[in-house]
Amino acid sequence: MKRKVVYNRWKVPSEEIQEQQNFDSILKDLKKDSAIYWKSIGFWGTVGTSAVALFFLITQF
């Protein structure tokens, strides 16, 4: 596969870069989401499915 190299890339304005640098909201969302995940149905569904599969594996062998 041949690599594509772009020599004359367009420059991103510094104002646009500063608009996207919103690290405080990223950290706030990260802290908020990490504590809630174990309370979600997806987490307990995965744990329950794994427990049932482990039970059947242990009883079969």
C-alpha atoms as a PDB file:
ATOM      1  CA  MET A   1       0.000   0.000   0.000  1.00  0.00           C
ATOM      2  CA  LYS A   2       1.345   3.392  -0.952  1.00  0.00           C
ATOM      3  CA  ARG A   3       1.356   6.186   1.605  1.00  0.00           C
ATOM      4  CA  LYS A   4      -0.227   9.493   0.731  1.00  0.00           C
ATOM      5  CA  VAL A   5       1.777  12.537   1.789  1.00  0.00           C
ATOM      6  CA  VAL A   6       0.144  15.953   1.701  1.00  0.00           C
ATOM      7  CA  TYR A   7       2.796  18.622   1.190  1.00  0.00           C
ATOM      8  CA  ASN A   8       0.669  21.760   1.020  1.00  0.00           C
ATOM      9  CA  ARG A   9      -1.617  21.177   3.965  1.00  0.00           C
ATOM     10  CA  TRP A  10      -4.049  23.896   4.945  1.00  0.00           C
ATOM     11  CA  LYS A  11      -3.245  25.693   8.183  1.00  0.00           C
ATOM     12  CA  VAL A  12      -5.654  25.551  11.083  1.00  0.00           C
ATOM     13  CA  PRO A  13      -6.228  29.014  12.552  1.00  0.00           C
ATOM     14  CA  SER A  14      -5.120  29.423  16.156  1.00  0.00           C
ATOM     15  CA  GLU A  15      -8.598  30.723  17.097  1.00  0.00           C
ATOM     16  CA  GLU A  16     -10.131  27.441  15.984  1.00  0.00           C
ATOM     17  CA  ILE A  17      -7.572  25.489  17.992  1.00  0.00           C
ATOM     18  CA  GLN A  18      -8.320  27.526  21.115  1.00  0.00           C
ATOM     19  CA  GLU A  19     -12.069  26.967  20.662  1.00  0.00           C
ATOM     20  CA  GLN A  20     -11.530  23.203  20.731  1.00  0.00           C
ATOM     21  CA  GLN A  21      -9.246  23.229  23.790  1.00  0.00           C
ATOM     22  CA  ASN A  22     -11.927  22.790  26.411  1.00  0.00           C
ATOM     23  CA  PHE A  23     -10.074  20.559  28.859  1.00  0.00           C
ATOM     24  CA  ASP A  24     -12.124  21.510  31.908  1.00  0.00           C
ATOM     25  CA  SER A  25     -15.339  20.149  30.422  1.00  0.00           C
ATOM     26  CA  ILE A  26     -13.549  16.982  29.277  1.00  0.00           C
ATOM     27  CA  LEU A  27     -12.270  16.314  32.791  1.00  0.00           C
ATOM     28  CA  LYS A  28     -15.672  17.129  34.294  1.00  0.00           C
ATOM     29  CA  ASP A  29     -17.427  14.708  31.932  1.00  0.00           C
ATOM     30  CA  LEU A  30     -14.815  12.028  32.595  1.00  0.00           C
ATOM     31  CA  LYS A  31     -15.302  12.252  36.349  1.00  0.00           C
ATOM     32  CA  LYS A  32     -19.078  12.234  35.965  1.00  0.00           C
ATOM     33  CA  ASP A  33     -19.225   9.196  33.684  1.00  0.00           C
ATOM     34  CA  SER A  34     -16.758   6.989  35.570  1.00  0.00           C
ATOM     35  CA  ALA A  35     -18.844   6.847  38.768  1.00  0.00           C
ATOM     36  CA  ILE A  36     -22.145   6.153  37.013  1.00  0.00           C
ATOM     37  CA  TYR A  37     -21.065   3.241  34.787  1.00  0.00           C
ATOM     38  CA  TRP A  38     -21.281   0.530  37.440  1.00  0.00           C
ATOM     39  CA  LYS A  39     -24.863   1.582  38.146  1.00  0.00           C
ATOM     40  CA  SER A  40     -25.957   1.163  34.527  1.00  0.00           C
ATOM     41  CA  ILE A  41     -27.896  -1.767  33.086  1.00  0.00           C
ATOM     42  CA  GLY A  42     -25.132  -2.470  30.579  1.00  0.00           C
ATOM     43  CA  PHE A  43     -22.617  -3.139  33.333  1.00  0.00           C
ATOM     44  CA  TRP A  44     -24.890  -5.477  35.263  1.00  0.00           C
ATOM     45  CA  GLY A  45     -25.987  -7.214  32.072  1.00  0.00           C
ATOM     46  CA  THR A  46     -22.362  -7.943  31.228  1.00  0.00           C
ATOM     47  CA  VAL A  47     -21.612  -9.124  34.758  1.00  0.00           C
ATOM     48  CA  GLY A  48     -24.706 -11.328  34.829  1.00  0.00           C
ATOM     49  CA  THR A  49     -23.984 -12.882  31.450  1.00  0.00           C
ATOM     50  CA  SER A  50     -20.393 -13.566  32.467  1.00  0.00           C
ATOM     51  CA  ALA A  51     -21.509 -15.130  35.743  1.00  0.00           C
ATOM     52  CA  VAL A  52     -23.994 -17.429  34.003  1.00  0.00           C
ATOM     53  CA  ALA A  53     -21.408 -18.433  31.393  1.00  0.00           C
ATOM     54  CA  LEU A  54     -18.834 -19.126  34.108  1.00  0.00           C
ATOM     55  CA  PHE A  55     -21.363 -21.196  36.047  1.00  0.00           C
ATOM     56  CA  PHE A  56     -22.102 -23.362  33.009  1.00  0.00           C
ATOM     57  CA  LEU A  57     -18.404 -23.758  32.228  1.00  0.00           C
ATOM     58  CA  ILE A  58     -17.643 -24.889  35.771  1.00  0.00           C
ATOM     59  CA  THR A  59     -20.545 -27.342  35.955  1.00  0.00           C
ATOM     60  CA  GLN A  60     -19.773 -28.889  32.548  1.00  0.00           C
ATOM     61  CA  PHE A  61     -16.065 -29.543  33.179  1.00  0.00           C
END
